[in-house]
Amino acid sequence: MSITRTAVPLILASVLLSGCAGLQKDGWPKCAAVGGVVGAGLGAIESSSWAGWGVLVGGATAAAYCWVHGDGDEDGDGVPDSRDKCPGTPPNTPVDANGCPPQVETVVEEAAPMPAQETIVVRDLLFEFDSARLTESDKSILDTVASRLRNEAPNARLTITGHTDSVGSEAYNQQLSERRAQSVADYLVGSGVPRSSIVSVQGAGESQPVADNSTDSGRAQNRRVEILVER
């Protein structure tokens, strides 16, 4: 009987304290409650009069052991300090199983390379009647083109070609296309495009239509200036 009275309390106490050691510090109320029940049982083994004292002693001992040996959570992220690889995370910060903020992969998209060669087609240039002089509307359109050339092709070689519709004589249209191409070139240079980047200014007259000259819309498409950009 004496062996039983000695062994059983030791076994129960060992199981209790081992369980408490796995709890966090804030789990001491659970330890105290379970310790009280076990303490009562241990006291009852000796004598029914010892059951009450067993509750107090068992509960207090278990709670103290849990507090001393329990695993805390200093930053309150829900991950015990023993497993927290990132202690001191700010409040309400999402964390993974190791207590660290999840890694966010940054995807860097590489800009598509600029084509080695392209043609910028400038339409809707009205010019003044029977003239190569640019209107304010023309200048507004060319401002956008100049900005693009300064930013995207500062070292490019530019070939500027003027085109007309078929109204008028072929010789007249050839001269008009040349003068209008030159007006565009001069305006681009005045807008910051290096003159050295313009390798050719020429006119094609009415020889290279892109639409039907028998319609108003077709003729409007044929009245254009093309800028060949070679990077």
C-alpha atoms as a PDB file:
ATOM      1  CA  MET A   1       0.000   0.000   0.000  1.00  0.00           C
ATOM      2  CA  SER A   2       2.869   2.338   0.841  1.00  0.00           C
ATOM      3  CA  ILE A   3       4.392   1.802  -2.609  1.00  0.00           C
ATOM      4  CA  THR A   4       1.104   2.689  -4.289  1.00  0.00           C
ATOM      5  CA  ARG A   5       0.727   5.834  -2.221  1.00  0.00           C
ATOM      6  CA  THR A   6       4.214   6.919  -3.208  1.00  0.00           C
ATOM      7  CA  ALA A   7       4.210   5.933  -6.887  1.00  0.00           C
ATOM      8  CA  VAL A   8       0.783   7.185  -7.930  1.00  0.00           C
ATOM      9  CA  PRO A   9       1.327  10.778  -6.730  1.00  0.00           C
ATOM     10  CA  LEU A  10       4.701  10.902  -8.480  1.00  0.00           C
ATOM     11  CA  ILE A  11       3.262   9.636 -11.763  1.00  0.00           C
ATOM     12  CA  LEU A  12       0.319  12.049 -11.681  1.00  0.00           C
ATOM     13  CA  ALA A  13       2.531  14.989 -10.775  1.00  0.00           C
ATOM     14  CA  SER A  14       4.969  14.142 -13.586  1.00  0.00           C
ATOM     15  CA  VAL A  15       2.191  13.953 -16.174  1.00  0.00           C
ATOM     16  CA  LEU A  16       0.686  17.227 -14.960  1.00  0.00           C
ATOM     17  CA  LEU A  17       3.934  19.193 -15.019  1.00  0.00           C
ATOM     18  CA  SER A  18       4.948  17.784 -18.409  1.00  0.00           C
ATOM     19  CA  GLY A  19       1.635  18.936 -19.851  1.00  0.00           C
ATOM     20  CA  CYS A  20       1.936  22.377 -18.321  1.00  0.00           C
ATOM     21  CA  ALA A  21       5.409  22.797 -19.772  1.00  0.00           C
ATOM     22  CA  GLY A  22       3.931  22.659 -23.262  1.00  0.00           C
ATOM     23  CA  LEU A  23       1.498  25.494 -22.623  1.00  0.00           C
ATOM     24  CA  GLN A  24       2.121  29.189 -23.090  1.00  0.00           C
ATOM     25  CA  LYS A  25       2.483  31.413 -20.067  1.00  0.00           C
ATOM     26  CA  ASP A  26      -1.039  32.705 -20.479  1.00  0.00           C
ATOM     27  CA  GLY A  27      -2.252  29.125 -20.073  1.00  0.00           C
ATOM     28  CA  TRP A  28      -1.564  29.133 -16.314  1.00  0.00           C
ATOM     29  CA  PRO A  29      -5.308  29.179 -15.395  1.00  0.00           C
ATOM     30  CA  LYS A  30      -5.681  25.828 -17.164  1.00  0.00           C
ATOM     31  CA  CYS A  31      -2.650  24.512 -15.304  1.00  0.00           C
ATOM     32  CA  ALA A  32      -4.099  25.720 -12.006  1.00  0.00           C
ATOM     33  CA  ALA A  33      -7.465  24.094 -12.671  1.00  0.00           C
ATOM     34  CA  VAL A  34      -5.996  20.773 -13.699  1.00  0.00           C
ATOM     35  CA  GLY A  35      -3.467  20.978 -10.880  1.00  0.00           C
ATOM     36  CA  GLY A  36      -6.283  21.549  -8.390  1.00  0.00           C
ATOM     37  CA  VAL A  37      -8.123  18.453  -9.564  1.00  0.00           C
ATOM     38  CA  VAL A  38      -4.970  16.346  -9.475  1.00  0.00           C
ATOM     39  CA  GLY A  39      -4.039  17.826  -6.099  1.00  0.00           C
ATOM     40  CA  ALA A  40      -7.434  16.906  -4.744  1.00  0.00           C
ATOM     41  CA  GLY A  41      -6.958  13.356  -5.971  1.00  0.00           C
ATOM     42  CA  LEU A  42      -3.502  13.143  -4.461  1.00  0.00           C
ATOM     43  CA  GLY A  43      -4.821  14.431  -1.127  1.00  0.00           C
ATOM     44  CA  ALA A  44      -7.695  11.985  -1.193  1.00  0.00           C
ATOM     45  CA  ILE A  45      -5.270   9.099  -1.572  1.00  0.00           C
ATOM     46  CA  GLU A  46      -3.805  10.018   1.798  1.00  0.00           C
ATOM     47  CA  SER A  47      -7.007  11.063   3.509  1.00  0.00           C
ATOM     48  CA  SER A  48     -10.298  12.713   2.621  1.00  0.00           C
ATOM     49  CA  SER A  49      -9.361  15.548   4.924  1.00  0.00           C
ATOM     50  CA  TRP A  50      -6.372  16.313   2.717  1.00  0.00           C
ATOM     51  CA  ALA A  51      -8.424  16.765  -0.466  1.00  0.00           C
ATOM     52  CA  GLY A  52      -9.095  20.479   0.120  1.00  0.00           C
ATOM     53  CA  TRP A  53      -5.451  21.220   0.823  1.00  0.00           C
ATOM     54  CA  GLY A  54      -4.573  19.217  -2.270  1.00  0.00           C
ATOM     55  CA  VAL A  55      -6.663  21.530  -4.418  1.00  0.00           C
ATOM     56  CA  LEU A  56      -4.799  24.597  -3.189  1.00  0.00           C
ATOM     57  CA  VAL A  57      -1.340  23.111  -3.253  1.00  0.00           C
ATOM     58  CA  GLY A  58      -1.793  21.338  -6.577  1.00  0.00           C
ATOM     59  CA  GLY A  59      -3.353  24.333  -8.305  1.00  0.00           C
ATOM     60  CA  ALA A  60      -0.740  26.786  -7.049  1.00  0.00           C
ATOM     61  CA  THR A  61       2.145  24.485  -7.897  1.00  0.00           C
ATOM     62  CA  ALA A  62       0.876  23.785 -11.407  1.00  0.00           C
ATOM     63  CA  ALA A  63       0.156  27.458 -12.125  1.00  0.00           C
ATOM     64  CA  ALA A  64       3.606  28.516 -10.941  1.00  0.00           C
ATOM     65  CA  TYR A  65       5.300  25.800 -12.959  1.00  0.00           C
ATOM     66  CA  CYS A  66       3.371  26.811 -16.077  1.00  0.00           C
ATOM     67  CA  TRP A  67       4.363  30.444 -15.619  1.00  0.00           C
ATOM     68  CA  VAL A  68       8.042  29.663 -15.105  1.00  0.00           C
ATOM     69  CA  HIS A  69       8.422  26.920 -17.706  1.00  0.00           C
ATOM     70  CA  GLY A  70       5.662  27.852 -20.134  1.00  0.00           C
ATOM     71  CA  ASP A  71       6.329  29.162 -23.606  1.00  0.00           C
ATOM     72  CA  GLY A  72       5.496  32.885 -23.910  1.00  0.00           C
ATOM     73  CA  ASP A  73       4.385  34.996 -26.884  1.00  0.00           C
ATOM     74  CA  GLU A  74       6.041  38.346 -26.319  1.00  0.00           C
ATOM     75  CA  ASP A  75       4.843  40.038 -29.505  1.00  0.00           C
ATOM     76  CA  GLY A  76       1.351  38.537 -29.391  1.00  0.00           C
ATOM     77  CA  ASP A  77       1.416  37.161 -32.907  1.00  0.00           C
ATOM     78  CA  GLY A  78       0.119  33.751 -31.892  1.00  0.00           C
ATOM     79  CA  VAL A  79       3.449  31.978 -32.391  1.00  0.00           C
ATOM     80  CA  PRO A  80       5.219  30.809 -29.170  1.00  0.00           C
ATOM     81  CA  ASP A  81       8.544  32.493 -28.486  1.00  0.00           C
ATOM     82  CA  SER A  82      10.397  29.173 -28.778  1.00  0.00           C
ATOM     83  CA  ARG A  83       9.354  28.941 -32.444  1.00  0.00           C
ATOM     84  CA  ASP A  84       9.194  32.658 -33.232  1.00  0.00           C
ATOM     85  CA  LYS A  85      12.024  33.445 -35.656  1.00  0.00           C
ATOM     86  CA  CYS A  86      10.941  37.061 -35.979  1.00  0.00           C
ATOM     87  CA  PRO A  87      10.328  38.359 -32.451  1.00  0.00           C
ATOM     88  CA  GLY A  88       8.961  41.840 -31.941  1.00  0.00           C
ATOM     89  CA  THR A  89       6.680  41.997 -34.967  1.00  0.00           C
ATOM     90  CA  PRO A  90       4.312  45.015 -34.839  1.00  0.00           C
ATOM     91  CA  PRO A  91       0.743  44.385 -33.588  1.00  0.00           C
ATOM     92  CA  ASN A  92      -1.747  42.951 -36.112  1.00  0.00           C
ATOM     93  CA  THR A  93       1.014  41.974 -38.516  1.00  0.00           C
ATOM     94  CA  PRO A  94       0.150  38.790 -40.458  1.00  0.00           C
ATOM     95  CA  VAL A  95       2.802  36.138 -39.815  1.00  0.00           C
ATOM     96  CA  ASP A  96       3.571  32.620 -41.006  1.00  0.00           C
ATOM     97  CA  ALA A  97       4.176  29.522 -38.887  1.00  0.00           C
ATOM     98  CA  ASN A  98       7.616  30.850 -37.910  1.00  0.00           C
ATOM     99  CA  GLY A  99       6.244  34.167 -36.674  1.00  0.00           C
ATOM    100  CA  CYS A 100       7.626  36.105 -39.643  1.00  0.00           C
ATOM    101  CA  PRO A 101       5.721  38.346 -42.070  1.00  0.00           C
ATOM    102  CA  PRO A 102       5.104  36.431 -45.322  1.00  0.00           C
ATOM    103  CA  GLN A 103       7.596  37.174 -48.035  1.00  0.00           C
ATOM    104  CA  VAL A 104       6.062  39.129 -50.896  1.00  0.00           C
ATOM    105  CA  GLU A 105       7.624  38.365 -54.219  1.00  0.00           C
ATOM    106  CA  THR A 106       8.168  41.430 -56.332  1.00  0.00           C
ATOM    107  CA  VAL A 107       7.745  40.746 -60.009  1.00  0.00           C
ATOM    108  CA  VAL A 108       9.767  43.155 -62.093  1.00  0.00           C
ATOM    109  CA  GLU A 109       8.484  43.347 -65.613  1.00  0.00           C
ATOM    110  CA  GLU A 110      11.169  44.208 -68.088  1.00  0.00           C
ATOM    111  CA  ALA A 111      10.229  46.886 -70.537  1.00  0.00           C
ATOM    112  CA  ALA A 112       9.843  45.634 -74.081  1.00  0.00           C
ATOM    113  CA  PRO A 113      12.870  46.600 -76.152  1.00  0.00           C
ATOM    114  CA  MET A 114      12.344  49.459 -78.557  1.00  0.00           C
ATOM    115  CA  PRO A 115      12.180  48.318 -82.173  1.00  0.00           C
ATOM    116  CA  ALA A 116      15.307  48.937 -84.181  1.00  0.00           C
ATOM    117  CA  GLN A 117      13.232  50.622 -86.854  1.00  0.00           C
ATOM    118  CA  GLU A 118       9.733  52.085 -86.980  1.00  0.00           C
ATOM    119  CA  THR A 119       7.764  54.622 -88.939  1.00  0.00           C
ATOM    120  CA  ILE A 120       5.736  57.315 -87.196  1.00  0.00           C
ATOM    121  CA  VAL A 121       2.922  58.379 -89.497  1.00  0.00           C
ATOM    122  CA  VAL A 122       1.696  61.908 -88.793  1.00  0.00           C
ATOM    123  CA  ARG A 123      -1.730  62.566 -90.281  1.00  0.00           C
ATOM    124  CA  ASP A 124      -4.253  65.354 -89.854  1.00  0.00           C
ATOM    125  CA  LEU A 125      -1.645  68.021 -90.606  1.00  0.00           C
ATOM    126  CA  LEU A 126      -3.761  70.760 -92.155  1.00  0.00           C
ATOM    127  CA  PHE A 127      -1.132  73.383 -93.057  1.00  0.00           C
ATOM    128  CA  GLU A 128      -2.313  76.724 -94.304  1.00  0.00           C
ATOM    129  CA  PHE A 129      -4.002  76.738 -97.698  1.00  0.00           C
ATOM    130  CA  ASP A 130      -1.559  76.149-100.556  1.00  0.00           C
ATOM    131  CA  SER A 131       1.262  76.532 -98.048  1.00  0.00           C
ATOM    132  CA  ALA A 132       3.767  74.595 -96.011  1.00  0.00           C
ATOM    133  CA  ARG A 133       3.156  76.771 -92.956  1.00  0.00           C
ATOM    134  CA  LEU A 134       1.982  74.802 -89.906  1.00  0.00           C
ATOM    135  CA  THR A 135      -1.253  75.693 -88.159  1.00  0.00           C
ATOM    136  CA  GLU A 136      -1.584  75.781 -84.370  1.00  0.00           C
ATOM    137  CA  SER A 137      -3.374  72.421 -84.577  1.00  0.00           C
ATOM    138  CA  ASP A 138      -0.424  70.989 -86.519  1.00  0.00           C
ATOM    139  CA  LYS A 139       2.011  72.241 -83.893  1.00  0.00           C
ATOM    140  CA  SER A 140       0.011  70.602 -81.131  1.00  0.00           C
ATOM    141  CA  ILE A 141       0.219  67.257 -82.932  1.00  0.00           C
ATOM    142  CA  LEU A 142       3.944  67.636 -83.564  1.00  0.00           C
ATOM    143  CA  ASP A 143       4.599  68.555 -79.919  1.00  0.00           C
ATOM    144  CA  THR A 144       3.544  65.029 -78.972  1.00  0.00           C
ATOM    145  CA  VAL A 145       5.783  63.539 -81.661  1.00  0.00           C
ATOM    146  CA  ALA A 146       8.740  65.685 -80.577  1.00  0.00           C
ATOM    147  CA  SER A 147       8.322  64.640 -76.947  1.00  0.00           C
ATOM    148  CA  ARG A 148       8.334  60.989 -77.927  1.00  0.00           C
ATOM    149  CA  LEU A 149      11.427  61.357 -80.087  1.00  0.00           C
ATOM    150  CA  ARG A 150      13.316  63.184 -77.341  1.00  0.00           C
ATOM    151  CA  ASN A 151      12.506  60.499 -74.779  1.00  0.00           C
ATOM    152  CA  GLU A 152      12.484  57.298 -76.797  1.00  0.00           C
ATOM    153  CA  ALA A 153      14.964  57.960 -79.579  1.00  0.00           C
ATOM    154  CA  PRO A 154      17.462  60.618 -78.508  1.00  0.00           C
ATOM    155  CA  ASN A 155      20.233  59.021 -80.603  1.00  0.00           C
ATOM    156  CA  ALA A 156      18.112  57.773 -83.492  1.00  0.00           C
ATOM    157  CA  ARG A 157      18.477  58.649 -87.138  1.00  0.00           C
ATOM    158  CA  LEU A 158      15.364  60.239 -88.623  1.00  0.00           C
ATOM    159  CA  THR A 159      14.174  60.330 -92.217  1.00  0.00           C
ATOM    160  CA  ILE A 160      11.235  62.695 -92.761  1.00  0.00           C
ATOM    161  CA  THR A 161       9.114  62.257 -95.872  1.00  0.00           C
ATOM    162  CA  GLY A 162       6.136  64.357 -96.978  1.00  0.00           C
ATOM    163  CA  HIS A 163       3.203  62.978 -98.979  1.00  0.00           C
ATOM    164  CA  THR A 164       0.243  64.616-100.757  1.00  0.00           C
ATOM    165  CA  ASP A 165      -3.013  63.538-102.352  1.00  0.00           C
ATOM    166  CA  SER A 166      -3.461  63.622-106.118  1.00  0.00           C
ATOM    167  CA  VAL A 167      -5.211  66.986-106.379  1.00  0.00           C
ATOM    168  CA  GLY A 168      -3.040  69.293-108.509  1.00  0.00           C
ATOM    169  CA  SER A 169      -0.191  68.538-110.842  1.00  0.00           C
ATOM    170  CA  GLU A 170       2.371  65.907-110.044  1.00  0.00           C
ATOM    171  CA  ALA A 171       5.228  68.418-110.161  1.00  0.00           C
ATOM    172  CA  TYR A 172       3.419  70.814-107.858  1.00  0.00           C
ATOM    173  CA  ASN A 173       2.612  68.092-105.373  1.00  0.00           C
ATOM    174  CA  GLN A 174       6.228  66.966-105.340  1.00  0.00           C
ATOM    175  CA  GLN A 175       7.433  70.442-104.379  1.00  0.00           C
ATOM    176  CA  LEU A 176       4.646  70.860-101.847  1.00  0.00           C
ATOM    177  CA  SER A 177       5.486  67.558-100.167  1.00  0.00           C
ATOM    178  CA  GLU A 178       9.144  68.577 -99.879  1.00  0.00           C
ATOM    179  CA  ARG A 179       8.307  71.952 -98.346  1.00  0.00           C
ATOM    180  CA  ARG A 180       5.900  70.422 -95.845  1.00  0.00           C
ATOM    181  CA  ALA A 181       8.436  67.775 -94.836  1.00  0.00           C
ATOM    182  CA  GLN A 182      10.951  70.543 -94.228  1.00  0.00           C
ATOM    183  CA  SER A 183       8.431  72.491 -92.125  1.00  0.00           C
ATOM    184  CA  VAL A 184       7.927  69.425 -89.921  1.00  0.00           C
ATOM    185  CA  ALA A 185      11.695  68.901 -89.598  1.00  0.00           C
ATOM    186  CA  ASP A 186      12.269  72.519 -88.601  1.00  0.00           C
ATOM    187  CA  TYR A 187       9.519  72.394 -85.998  1.00  0.00           C
ATOM    188  CA  LEU A 188      10.889  69.184 -84.445  1.00  0.00           C
ATOM    189  CA  VAL A 189      14.347  70.738 -84.185  1.00  0.00           C
ATOM    190  CA  GLY A 190      12.839  73.820 -82.569  1.00  0.00           C
ATOM    191  CA  SER A 191      11.119  71.500 -80.089  1.00  0.00           C
ATOM    192  CA  GLY A 192      14.362  69.919 -78.925  1.00  0.00           C
ATOM    193  CA  VAL A 193      15.010  67.107 -81.398  1.00  0.00           C
ATOM    194  CA  PRO A 194      18.735  67.305 -82.361  1.00  0.00           C
ATOM    195  CA  ARG A 195      19.205  68.522 -85.925  1.00  0.00           C
ATOM    196  CA  SER A 196      22.072  66.062 -86.258  1.00  0.00           C
ATOM    197  CA  SER A 197      19.617  63.175 -85.848  1.00  0.00           C
ATOM    198  CA  ILE A 198      17.710  64.175 -88.993  1.00  0.00           C
ATOM    199  CA  VAL A 199      19.588  62.492 -91.812  1.00  0.00           C
ATOM    200  CA  SER A 200      17.127  63.146 -94.634  1.00  0.00           C
ATOM    201  CA  VAL A 201      14.171  65.408 -95.447  1.00  0.00           C
ATOM    202  CA  GLN A 202      12.386  64.533 -98.655  1.00  0.00           C
ATOM    203  CA  GLY A 203       9.093  64.603-100.504  1.00  0.00           C
ATOM    204  CA  ALA A 204       7.283  61.777-102.291  1.00  0.00           C
ATOM    205  CA  GLY A 205       4.498  63.934-103.721  1.00  0.00           C
ATOM    206  CA  GLU A 206       1.455  61.912-104.726  1.00  0.00           C
ATOM    207  CA  SER A 207       3.467  58.826-105.713  1.00  0.00           C
ATOM    208  CA  GLN A 208       2.864  56.690-102.613  1.00  0.00           C
ATOM    209  CA  PRO A 209      -0.854  56.811-101.758  1.00  0.00           C
ATOM    210  CA  VAL A 210      -2.137  54.636 -98.917  1.00  0.00           C
ATOM    211  CA  ALA A 211      -5.834  55.129 -99.731  1.00  0.00           C
ATOM    212  CA  ASP A 212      -8.180  55.900-102.617  1.00  0.00           C
ATOM    213  CA  ASN A 213      -7.703  59.455-103.895  1.00  0.00           C
ATOM    214  CA  SER A 214     -11.241  59.488-105.280  1.00  0.00           C
ATOM    215  CA  THR A 215     -12.765  60.014-101.818  1.00  0.00           C
ATOM    216  CA  ASP A 216     -12.364  62.757 -99.262  1.00  0.00           C
ATOM    217  CA  SER A 217     -11.347  60.298 -96.543  1.00  0.00           C
ATOM    218  CA  GLY A 218      -8.847  58.614 -98.840  1.00  0.00           C
ATOM    219  CA  ARG A 219      -7.223  61.914 -99.808  1.00  0.00           C
ATOM    220  CA  ALA A 220      -7.031  62.874 -96.129  1.00  0.00           C
ATOM    221  CA  GLN A 221      -5.083  59.690 -95.403  1.00  0.00           C
ATOM    222  CA  ASN A 222      -2.711  60.382 -98.265  1.00  0.00           C
ATOM    223  CA  ARG A 223      -1.882  63.876 -96.960  1.00  0.00           C
ATOM    224  CA  ARG A 224       0.639  62.828 -94.361  1.00  0.00           C
ATOM    225  CA  VAL A 225       4.224  63.077 -93.129  1.00  0.00           C
ATOM    226  CA  GLU A 226       6.144  59.918 -92.256  1.00  0.00           C
ATOM    227  CA  ILE A 227       9.093  59.854 -89.863  1.00  0.00           C
ATOM    228  CA  LEU A 228      11.313  56.786 -90.221  1.00  0.00           C
ATOM    229  CA  VAL A 229      13.076  56.149 -86.909  1.00  0.00           C
ATOM    230  CA  GLU A 230      16.244  54.025 -87.001  1.00  0.00           C
ATOM    231  CA  ARG A 231      17.682  53.305 -83.570  1.00  0.00           C
END
